[in-house]
PDB file of all heavy atoms in Angstrom:
ATOM      1  N   ARG A   1      43.841 -24.238 -58.436  1.00  0.00           N
ATOM      2  CA  ARG A   1      44.815 -25.040 -57.716  1.00  0.00           C
ATOM      3  C   ARG A   1      45.849 -24.151 -57.021  1.00  0.00           C
ATOM      4  O   ARG A   1      46.200 -24.381 -55.878  1.00  0.00           O
ATOM      5  CB  ARG A   1      45.535 -25.992 -58.698  1.00  0.00           C
ATOM      6  CG  ARG A   1      44.622 -27.058 -59.271  1.00  0.00           C
ATOM      7  CD  ARG A   1      45.391 -28.019 -60.160  1.00  0.00           C
ATOM      8  NE  ARG A   1      46.352 -28.784 -59.402  1.00  0.00           N
ATOM      9  CZ  ARG A   1      46.062 -29.893 -58.705  1.00  0.00           C
ATOM     10  NH1 ARG A   1      44.823 -30.343 -58.661  1.00  0.00           N
ATOM     11  NH2 ARG A   1      47.006 -30.543 -58.040  1.00  0.00           N
ATOM     12  N   ARG A   2      46.330 -23.136 -57.693  1.00  0.00           N
ATOM     13  CA  ARG A   2      47.179 -22.106 -57.098  1.00  0.00           C
ATOM     14  C   ARG A   2      46.462 -20.772 -57.328  1.00  0.00           C
ATOM     15  O   ARG A   2      46.692 -20.097 -58.307  1.00  0.00           O
ATOM     16  CB  ARG A   2      48.578 -22.124 -57.721  1.00  0.00           C
ATOM     17  CG  ARG A   2      49.415 -23.325 -57.303  1.00  0.00           C
ATOM     18  CD  ARG A   2      50.714 -23.373 -58.105  1.00  0.00           C
ATOM     19  NE  ARG A   2      51.500 -22.154 -57.915  1.00  0.00           N
ATOM     20  CZ  ARG A   2      52.400 -21.971 -56.952  1.00  0.00           C
ATOM     21  NH1 ARG A   2      52.620 -22.918 -56.050  1.00  0.00           N
ATOM     22  NH2 ARG A   2      53.089 -20.853 -56.856  1.00  0.00           N
ATOM     23  N   HIS A   3      45.573 -20.449 -56.424  1.00  0.00           N
ATOM     24  CA  HIS A   3      44.648 -19.349 -56.624  1.00  0.00           C
ATOM     25  C   HIS A   3      45.266 -17.991 -56.275  1.00  0.00           C
ATOM     26  O   HIS A   3      45.159 -17.033 -57.028  1.00  0.00           O
ATOM     27  CB  HIS A   3      43.402 -19.609 -55.757  1.00  0.00           C
ATOM     28  CG  HIS A   3      42.221 -18.744 -56.143  1.00  0.00           C
ATOM     29  ND1 HIS A   3      41.164 -19.229 -56.841  1.00  0.00           N
ATOM     30  CD2 HIS A   3      41.958 -17.446 -55.906  1.00  0.00           C
ATOM     31  CE1 HIS A   3      40.274 -18.261 -57.029  1.00  0.00           C
ATOM     32  NE2 HIS A   3      40.733 -17.151 -56.464  1.00  0.00           N
ATOM     33  N   ALA A   4      45.880 -17.926 -55.123  1.00  0.00           N
ATOM     34  CA  ALA A   4      46.434 -16.668 -54.627  1.00  0.00           C
ATOM     35  C   ALA A   4      47.577 -16.985 -53.663  1.00  0.00           C
ATOM     36  O   ALA A   4      47.842 -18.148 -53.393  1.00  0.00           O
ATOM     37  CB  ALA A   4      45.358 -15.821 -53.926  1.00  0.00           C
ATOM     38  N   ARG A   5      48.229 -15.936 -53.228  1.00  0.00           N
ATOM     39  CA  ARG A   5      49.236 -16.172 -52.186  1.00  0.00           C
ATOM     40  C   ARG A   5      49.232 -14.998 -51.194  1.00  0.00           C
ATOM     41  O   ARG A   5      48.873 -13.857 -51.540  1.00  0.00           O
ATOM     42  CB  ARG A   5      50.640 -16.325 -52.766  1.00  0.00           C
ATOM     43  CG  ARG A   5      51.220 -15.059 -53.385  1.00  0.00           C
ATOM     44  CD  ARG A   5      52.676 -15.315 -53.763  1.00  0.00           C
ATOM     45  NE  ARG A   5      53.254 -14.162 -54.449  1.00  0.00           N
ATOM     46  CZ  ARG A   5      54.542 -14.047 -54.756  1.00  0.00           C
ATOM     47  NH1 ARG A   5      55.364 -15.026 -54.438  1.00  0.00           N
ATOM     48  NH2 ARG A   5      54.991 -12.979 -55.367  1.00  0.00           N
ATOM     49  N   ILE A   6      49.563 -15.326 -49.956  1.00  0.00           N
ATOM     50  CA  ILE A   6      49.691 -14.319 -48.902  1.00  0.00           C
ATOM     51  C   ILE A   6      51.112 -14.391 -48.392  1.00  0.00           C
ATOM     52  O   ILE A   6      51.544 -15.441 -47.910  1.00  0.00           O
ATOM     53  CB  ILE A   6      48.695 -14.576 -47.764  1.00  0.00           C
ATOM     54  CG1 ILE A   6      47.250 -14.502 -48.280  1.00  0.00           C
ATOM     55  CG2 ILE A   6      48.894 -13.563 -46.636  1.00  0.00           C
ATOM     56  CD1 ILE A   6      46.190 -14.897 -47.254  1.00  0.00           C
ATOM     57  N   VAL A   7      51.832 -13.301 -48.538  1.00  0.00           N
ATOM     58  CA  VAL A   7      53.248 -13.258 -48.083  1.00  0.00           C
ATOM     59  C   VAL A   7      53.263 -12.536 -46.742  1.00  0.00           C
ATOM     60  O   VAL A   7      52.899 -11.364 -46.641  1.00  0.00           O
ATOM     61  CB  VAL A   7      54.149 -12.538 -49.100  1.00  0.00           C
ATOM     62  CG1 VAL A   7      55.572 -12.456 -48.585  1.00  0.00           C
ATOM     63  CG2 VAL A   7      54.117 -13.231 -50.455  1.00  0.00           C
ATOM     64  N   VAL A   8      53.710 -13.274 -45.714  1.00  0.00           N
ATOM     65  CA  VAL A   8      53.758 -12.726 -44.348  1.00  0.00           C
ATOM     66  C   VAL A   8      55.197 -12.378 -43.988  1.00  0.00           C
ATOM     67  O   VAL A   8      56.101 -13.171 -44.167  1.00  0.00           O
ATOM     68  CB  VAL A   8      53.208 -13.773 -43.365  1.00  0.00           C
ATOM     69  CG1 VAL A   8      53.416 -13.282 -41.932  1.00  0.00           C
ATOM     70  CG2 VAL A   8      51.739 -14.062 -43.619  1.00  0.00           C
ATOM     71  N   SER A   9      55.369 -11.162 -43.518  1.00  0.00           N
ATOM     72  CA  SER A   9      56.674 -10.714 -43.061  1.00  0.00           C
ATOM     73  C   SER A   9      56.525 -10.083 -41.700  1.00  0.00           C
ATOM     74  O   SER A   9      55.403  -9.933 -41.182  1.00  0.00           O
ATOM     75  CB  SER A   9      57.303  -9.699 -44.050  1.00  0.00           C
ATOM     76  OG  SER A   9      56.565  -8.511 -44.035  1.00  0.00           O
ATOM     77  N   GLY A  10      57.634  -9.650 -41.107  1.00  0.00           N
ATOM     78  CA  GLY A  10      57.558  -9.009 -39.813  1.00  0.00           C
ATOM     79  C   GLY A  10      56.806  -7.706 -39.835  1.00  0.00           C
ATOM     80  O   GLY A  10      56.369  -7.203 -38.775  1.00  0.00           O
ATOM     81  N   SER A  11      56.641  -7.111 -41.008  1.00  0.00           N
ATOM     82  CA  SER A  11      55.975  -5.818 -41.114  1.00  0.00           C
ATOM     83  C   SER A  11      54.542  -5.913 -41.614  1.00  0.00           C
ATOM     84  O   SER A  11      53.876  -4.880 -41.776  1.00  0.00           O
ATOM     85  CB  SER A  11      56.783  -4.884 -42.024  1.00  0.00           C
ATOM     86  OG  SER A  11      57.020  -5.503 -43.283  1.00  0.00           O
ATOM     87  N   GLY A  12      54.031  -7.114 -41.912  1.00  0.00           N
ATOM     88  CA  GLY A  12      52.667  -7.224 -42.354  1.00  0.00           C
ATOM     89  C   GLY A  12      52.404  -8.412 -43.266  1.00  0.00           C
ATOM     90  O   GLY A  12      53.230  -9.331 -43.361  1.00  0.00           O
ATOM     91  N   ALA A  13      51.285  -8.390 -43.957  1.00  0.00           N
ATOM     92  CA  ALA A  13      50.909  -9.460 -44.870  1.00  0.00           C
ATOM     93  C   ALA A  13      50.381  -8.863 -46.155  1.00  0.00           C
ATOM     94  O   ALA A  13      49.606  -7.899 -46.137  1.00  0.00           O
ATOM     95  CB  ALA A  13      49.851 -10.369 -44.238  1.00  0.00           C
ATOM     96  N   LEU A  14      50.806  -9.432 -47.297  1.00  0.00           N
ATOM     97  CA  LEU A  14      50.378  -8.934 -48.595  1.00  0.00           C
ATOM     98  C   LEU A  14      49.630 -10.054 -49.338  1.00  0.00           C
ATOM     99  O   LEU A  14      50.075 -11.203 -49.359  1.00  0.00           O
ATOM    100  CB  LEU A  14      51.590  -8.503 -49.445  1.00  0.00           C
ATOM    101  CG  LEU A  14      52.340  -7.262 -48.994  1.00  0.00           C
ATOM    102  CD1 LEU A  14      53.609  -7.081 -49.838  1.00  0.00           C
ATOM    103  CD2 LEU A  14      51.456  -6.035 -49.117  1.00  0.00           C
ATOM    104  N   LEU A  15      48.488  -9.715 -49.941  1.00  0.00           N
ATOM    105  CA  LEU A  15      47.708 -10.653 -50.712  1.00  0.00           C
ATOM    106  C   LEU A  15      47.868 -10.384 -52.192  1.00  0.00           C
ATOM    107  O   LEU A  15      47.798  -9.248 -52.637  1.00  0.00           O
ATOM    108  CB  LEU A  15      46.213 -10.525 -50.321  1.00  0.00           C
ATOM    109  CG  LEU A  15      45.199 -11.290 -51.192  1.00  0.00           C
ATOM    110  CD1 LEU A  15      45.394 -12.784 -51.002  1.00  0.00           C
ATOM    111  CD2 LEU A  15      43.776 -10.863 -50.845  1.00  0.00           C
ATOM    112  N   GLU A  16      48.075 -11.466 -52.973  1.00  0.00           N
ATOM    113  CA  GLU A  16      48.265 -11.329 -54.421  1.00  0.00           C
ATOM    114  C   GLU A  16      47.535 -12.462 -55.140  1.00  0.00           C
ATOM    115  O   GLU A  16      47.605 -13.623 -54.738  1.00  0.00           O
ATOM    116  CB  GLU A  16      49.758 -11.393 -54.771  1.00  0.00           C
ATOM    117  CG  GLU A  16      50.046 -11.253 -56.257  1.00  0.00           C
ATOM    118  CD  GLU A  16      51.550 -11.316 -56.544  1.00  0.00           C
ATOM    119  OE1 GLU A  16      52.312 -11.617 -55.626  1.00  0.00           O
ATOM    120  OE2 GLU A  16      51.931 -11.063 -57.708  1.00  0.00           O
ATOM    121  N   ASP A  17      46.798 -12.101 -56.187  1.00  0.00           N
ATOM    122  CA  ASP A  17      46.137 -13.132 -57.024  1.00  0.00           C
ATOM    123  C   ASP A  17      47.181 -13.748 -57.950  1.00  0.00           C
ATOM    124  O   ASP A  17      48.102 -13.086 -58.393  1.00  0.00           O
ATOM    125  CB  ASP A  17      45.036 -12.480 -57.858  1.00  0.00           C
ATOM    126  CG  ASP A  17      44.284 -13.492 -58.688  1.00  0.00           C
ATOM    127  OD1 ASP A  17      43.539 -14.292 -58.097  1.00  0.00           O
ATOM    128  OD2 ASP A  17      44.444 -13.490 -59.939  1.00  0.00           O
ATOM    129  N   LEU A  18      47.039 -15.045 -58.208  1.00  0.00           N
ATOM    130  CA  LEU A  18      48.000 -15.740 -59.071  1.00  0.00           C
ATOM    131  C   LEU A  18      47.388 -16.118 -60.419  1.00  0.00           C
ATOM    132  O   LEU A  18      47.612 -17.187 -60.952  1.00  0.00           O
ATOM    133  CB  LEU A  18      48.498 -17.021 -58.338  1.00  0.00           C
ATOM    134  CG  LEU A  18      49.290 -16.796 -57.060  1.00  0.00           C
ATOM    135  CD1 LEU A  18      49.742 -18.108 -56.462  1.00  0.00           C
ATOM    136  CD2 LEU A  18      50.485 -15.875 -57.296  1.00  0.00           C
ATOM    137  N   GLY A  19      46.610 -15.183 -60.963  1.00  0.00           N
ATOM    138  CA  GLY A  19      46.002 -15.459 -62.272  1.00  0.00           C
ATOM    139  C   GLY A  19      44.862 -16.435 -62.185  1.00  0.00           C
ATOM    140  O   GLY A  19      44.628 -17.209 -63.126  1.00  0.00           O
ATOM    141  N   SER A  20      44.135 -16.477 -61.074  1.00  0.00           N
ATOM    142  CA  SER A  20      43.066 -17.432 -60.865  1.00  0.00           C
ATOM    143  C   SER A  20      41.931 -17.197 -61.864  1.00  0.00           C
ATOM    144  O   SER A  20      41.693 -16.062 -62.318  1.00  0.00           O
ATOM    145  CB  SER A  20      42.520 -17.305 -59.453  1.00  0.00           C
ATOM    146  OG  SER A  20      41.967 -16.032 -59.221  1.00  0.00           O
ATOM    147  N   LYS A  21      41.215 -18.254 -62.181  1.00  0.00           N
ATOM    148  CA  LYS A  21      40.098 -18.175 -63.142  1.00  0.00           C
ATOM    149  C   LYS A  21      38.945 -17.349 -62.622  1.00  0.00           C
ATOM    150  O   LYS A  21      38.383 -16.523 -63.342  1.00  0.00           O
ATOM    151  CB  LYS A  21      39.605 -19.584 -63.489  1.00  0.00           C
ATOM    152  CG  LYS A  21      38.462 -19.618 -64.471  1.00  0.00           C
ATOM    153  CD  LYS A  21      38.035 -21.052 -64.778  1.00  0.00           C
ATOM    154  CE  LYS A  21      36.854 -21.074 -65.756  1.00  0.00           C
ATOM    155  NZ  LYS A  21      36.418 -22.465 -66.062  1.00  0.00           N
ATOM    156  N   ASN A  22      38.595 -17.558 -61.354  1.00  0.00           N
ATOM    157  CA  ASN A  22      37.415 -16.878 -60.784  1.00  0.00           C
ATOM    158  C   ASN A  22      37.752 -15.670 -59.939  1.00  0.00           C
ATOM    159  O   ASN A  22      36.836 -15.044 -59.350  1.00  0.00           O
ATOM    160  CB  ASN A  22      36.612 -17.889 -59.953  1.00  0.00           C
ATOM    161  CG  ASN A  22      36.007 -18.957 -60.843  1.00  0.00           C
ATOM    162  OD1 ASN A  22      35.468 -18.691 -61.921  1.00  0.00           O
ATOM    163  ND2 ASN A  22      36.112 -20.201 -60.407  1.00  0.00           N
ATOM    164  N   GLY A  23      39.029 -15.309 -59.865  1.00  0.00           N
ATOM    165  CA  GLY A  23      39.407 -14.072 -59.212  1.00  0.00           C
ATOM    166  C   GLY A  23      39.564 -14.141 -57.689  1.00  0.00           C
ATOM    167  O   GLY A  23      39.025 -15.012 -57.024  1.00  0.00           O
ATOM    168  N   THR A  24      40.375 -13.211 -57.194  1.00  0.00           N
ATOM    169  CA  THR A  24      40.541 -13.013 -55.787  1.00  0.00           C
ATOM    170  C   THR A  24      40.005 -11.637 -55.432  1.00  0.00           C
ATOM    171  O   THR A  24      40.294 -10.677 -56.153  1.00  0.00           O
ATOM    172  CB  THR A  24      42.029 -13.096 -55.374  1.00  0.00           C
ATOM    173  OG1 THR A  24      42.547 -14.388 -55.730  1.00  0.00           O
ATOM    174  CG2 THR A  24      42.220 -12.874 -53.880  1.00  0.00           C
ATOM    175  N   PHE A  25      39.208 -11.540 -54.362  1.00  0.00           N
ATOM    176  CA  PHE A  25      38.523 -10.281 -54.067  1.00  0.00           C
ATOM    177  C   PHE A  25      38.946  -9.780 -52.678  1.00  0.00           C
ATOM    178  O   PHE A  25      39.098 -10.538 -51.728  1.00  0.00           O
ATOM    179  CB  PHE A  25      37.003 -10.493 -54.096  1.00  0.00           C
ATOM    180  CG  PHE A  25      36.492 -10.864 -55.476  1.00  0.00           C
ATOM    181  CD1 PHE A  25      36.555 -12.191 -55.888  1.00  0.00           C
ATOM    182  CD2 PHE A  25      35.964  -9.907 -56.308  1.00  0.00           C
ATOM    183  CE1 PHE A  25      36.120 -12.553 -57.155  1.00  0.00           C
ATOM    184  CE2 PHE A  25      35.511 -10.263 -57.570  1.00  0.00           C
ATOM    185  CZ  PHE A  25      35.587 -11.575 -58.001  1.00  0.00           C
ATOM    186  N   PHE A  26      39.117  -8.465 -52.613  1.00  0.00           N
ATOM    187  CA  PHE A  26      39.487  -7.789 -51.365  1.00  0.00           C
ATOM    188  C   PHE A  26      38.492  -6.668 -51.157  1.00  0.00           C
ATOM    189  O   PHE A  26      38.374  -5.745 -51.949  1.00  0.00           O
ATOM    190  CB  PHE A  26      40.902  -7.231 -51.483  1.00  0.00           C
ATOM    191  CG  PHE A  26      41.327  -6.391 -50.324  1.00  0.00           C
ATOM    192  CD1 PHE A  26      41.804  -6.962 -49.142  1.00  0.00           C
ATOM    193  CD2 PHE A  26      41.253  -5.001 -50.369  1.00  0.00           C
ATOM    194  CE1 PHE A  26      42.204  -6.172 -48.062  1.00  0.00           C
ATOM    195  CE2 PHE A  26      41.644  -4.197 -49.304  1.00  0.00           C
ATOM    196  CZ  PHE A  26      42.128  -4.819 -48.154  1.00  0.00           C
ATOM    197  N   GLY A  27      37.713  -6.784 -50.057  1.00  0.00           N
ATOM    198  CA  GLY A  27      36.700  -5.771 -49.802  1.00  0.00           C
ATOM    199  C   GLY A  27      35.674  -5.645 -50.907  1.00  0.00           C
ATOM    200  O   GLY A  27      35.142  -4.563 -51.195  1.00  0.00           O
ATOM    201  N   GLY A  28      35.412  -6.774 -51.594  1.00  0.00           N
ATOM    202  CA  GLY A  28      34.417  -6.777 -52.652  1.00  0.00           C
ATOM    203  C   GLY A  28      34.938  -6.388 -54.036  1.00  0.00           C
ATOM    204  O   GLY A  28      34.210  -6.473 -55.012  1.00  0.00           O
ATOM    205  N   GLN A  29      36.204  -5.997 -54.111  1.00  0.00           N
ATOM    206  CA  GLN A  29      36.815  -5.602 -55.377  1.00  0.00           C
ATOM    207  C   GLN A  29      37.782  -6.646 -55.857  1.00  0.00           C
ATOM    208  O   GLN A  29      38.628  -7.144 -55.090  1.00  0.00           O
ATOM    209  CB  GLN A  29      37.564  -4.274 -55.222  1.00  0.00           C
ATOM    210  CG  GLN A  29      36.677  -3.111 -54.784  1.00  0.00           C
ATOM    211  CD  GLN A  29      35.618  -2.765 -55.812  1.00  0.00           C
ATOM    212  OE1 GLN A  29      35.906  -2.700 -57.021  1.00  0.00           O
ATOM    213  NE2 GLN A  29      34.383  -2.571 -55.364  1.00  0.00           N
ATOM    214  N   ARG A  30      37.670  -6.999 -57.149  1.00  0.00           N
ATOM    215  CA  ARG A  30      38.573  -8.018 -57.723  1.00  0.00           C
ATOM    216  C   ARG A  30      39.981  -7.446 -57.803  1.00  0.00           C
ATOM    217  O   ARG A  30      40.193  -6.332 -58.295  1.00  0.00           O
ATOM    218  CB  ARG A  30      38.089  -8.466 -59.101  1.00  0.00           C
ATOM    219  CG  ARG A  30      38.911  -9.597 -59.659  1.00  0.00           C
ATOM    220  CD  ARG A  30      38.219 -10.267 -60.817  1.00  0.00           C
ATOM    221  NE  ARG A  30      39.005 -11.403 -61.358  1.00  0.00           N
ATOM    222  CZ  ARG A  30      38.512 -12.356 -62.112  1.00  0.00           C
ATOM    223  NH1 ARG A  30      37.217 -12.303 -62.469  1.00  0.00           N
ATOM    224  NH2 ARG A  30      39.263 -13.336 -62.526  1.00  0.00           N
ATOM    225  N   LEU A  31      40.978  -8.244 -57.382  1.00  0.00           N
ATOM    226  CA  LEU A  31      42.355  -7.791 -57.402  1.00  0.00           C
ATOM    227  C   LEU A  31      42.892  -7.799 -58.819  1.00  0.00           C
ATOM    228  O   LEU A  31      42.603  -8.697 -59.617  1.00  0.00           O
ATOM    229  CB  LEU A  31      43.221  -8.666 -56.536  1.00  0.00           C
ATOM    230  CG  LEU A  31      42.993  -8.678 -55.033  1.00  0.00           C
ATOM    231  CD1 LEU A  31      44.047  -9.502 -54.336  1.00  0.00           C
ATOM    232  CD2 LEU A  31      42.979  -7.264 -54.468  1.00  0.00           C
ATOM    233  N   ALA A  32      43.734  -6.809 -59.110  1.00  0.00           N
ATOM    234  CA  ALA A  32      44.513  -6.791 -60.351  1.00  0.00           C
ATOM    235  C   ALA A  32      45.837  -7.460 -60.027  1.00  0.00           C
ATOM    236  O   ALA A  32      45.938  -8.329 -59.184  1.00  0.00           O
ATOM    237  CB  ALA A  32      44.668  -5.363 -60.829  1.00  0.00           C
ATOM    238  N   ALA A  33      46.914  -7.017 -60.699  1.00  0.00           N
ATOM    239  CA  ALA A  33      48.219  -7.662 -60.494  1.00  0.00           C
ATOM    240  C   ALA A  33      48.938  -7.155 -59.236  1.00  0.00           C
ATOM    241  O   ALA A  33      49.904  -7.755 -58.761  1.00  0.00           O
ATOM    242  CB  ALA A  33      49.104  -7.447 -61.723  1.00  0.00           C
ATOM    243  N   THR A  34      48.498  -6.021 -58.711  1.00  0.00           N
ATOM    244  CA  THR A  34      49.216  -5.374 -57.595  1.00  0.00           C
ATOM    245  C   THR A  34      48.840  -6.027 -56.262  1.00  0.00           C
ATOM    246  O   THR A  34      47.641  -6.110 -55.928  1.00  0.00           O
ATOM    247  CB  THR A  34      48.866  -3.887 -57.531  1.00  0.00           C
ATOM    248  OG1 THR A  34      49.170  -3.295 -58.763  1.00  0.00           O
ATOM    249  CG2 THR A  34      49.712  -3.211 -56.423  1.00  0.00           C
ATOM    250  N   PRO A  35      49.796  -6.493 -55.478  1.00  0.00           N
ATOM    251  CA  PRO A  35      49.501  -7.035 -54.140  1.00  0.00           C
ATOM    252  C   PRO A  35      48.886  -5.954 -53.248  1.00  0.00           C
ATOM    253  O   PRO A  35      49.201  -4.767 -53.395  1.00  0.00           O
ATOM    254  CB  PRO A  35      50.866  -7.480 -53.631  1.00  0.00           C
ATOM    255  CG  PRO A  35      51.725  -7.645 -54.856  1.00  0.00           C
ATOM    256  CD  PRO A  35      51.236  -6.586 -55.798  1.00  0.00           C
ATOM    257  N   VAL A  36      48.047  -6.374 -52.313  1.00  0.00           N
ATOM    258  CA  VAL A  36      47.432  -5.419 -51.389  1.00  0.00           C
ATOM    259  C   VAL A  36      47.752  -5.838 -49.954  1.00  0.00           C
ATOM    260  O   VAL A  36      47.818  -7.036 -49.649  1.00  0.00           O
ATOM    261  CB  VAL A  36      45.888  -5.340 -51.583  1.00  0.00           C
ATOM    262  CG1 VAL A  36      45.568  -4.817 -52.962  1.00  0.00           C
ATOM    263  CG2 VAL A  36      45.223  -6.684 -51.353  1.00  0.00           C
TER     264      VAL A  36
END
């Protein structure tokens, strides 16, 4: 229901997983707690 979030600012966009059950993946790698 609340899987991940993308924070958009004037300097870019950051992707963060919100503890999702099936995971959020970036470039084929499952995200840990650190936004990318």
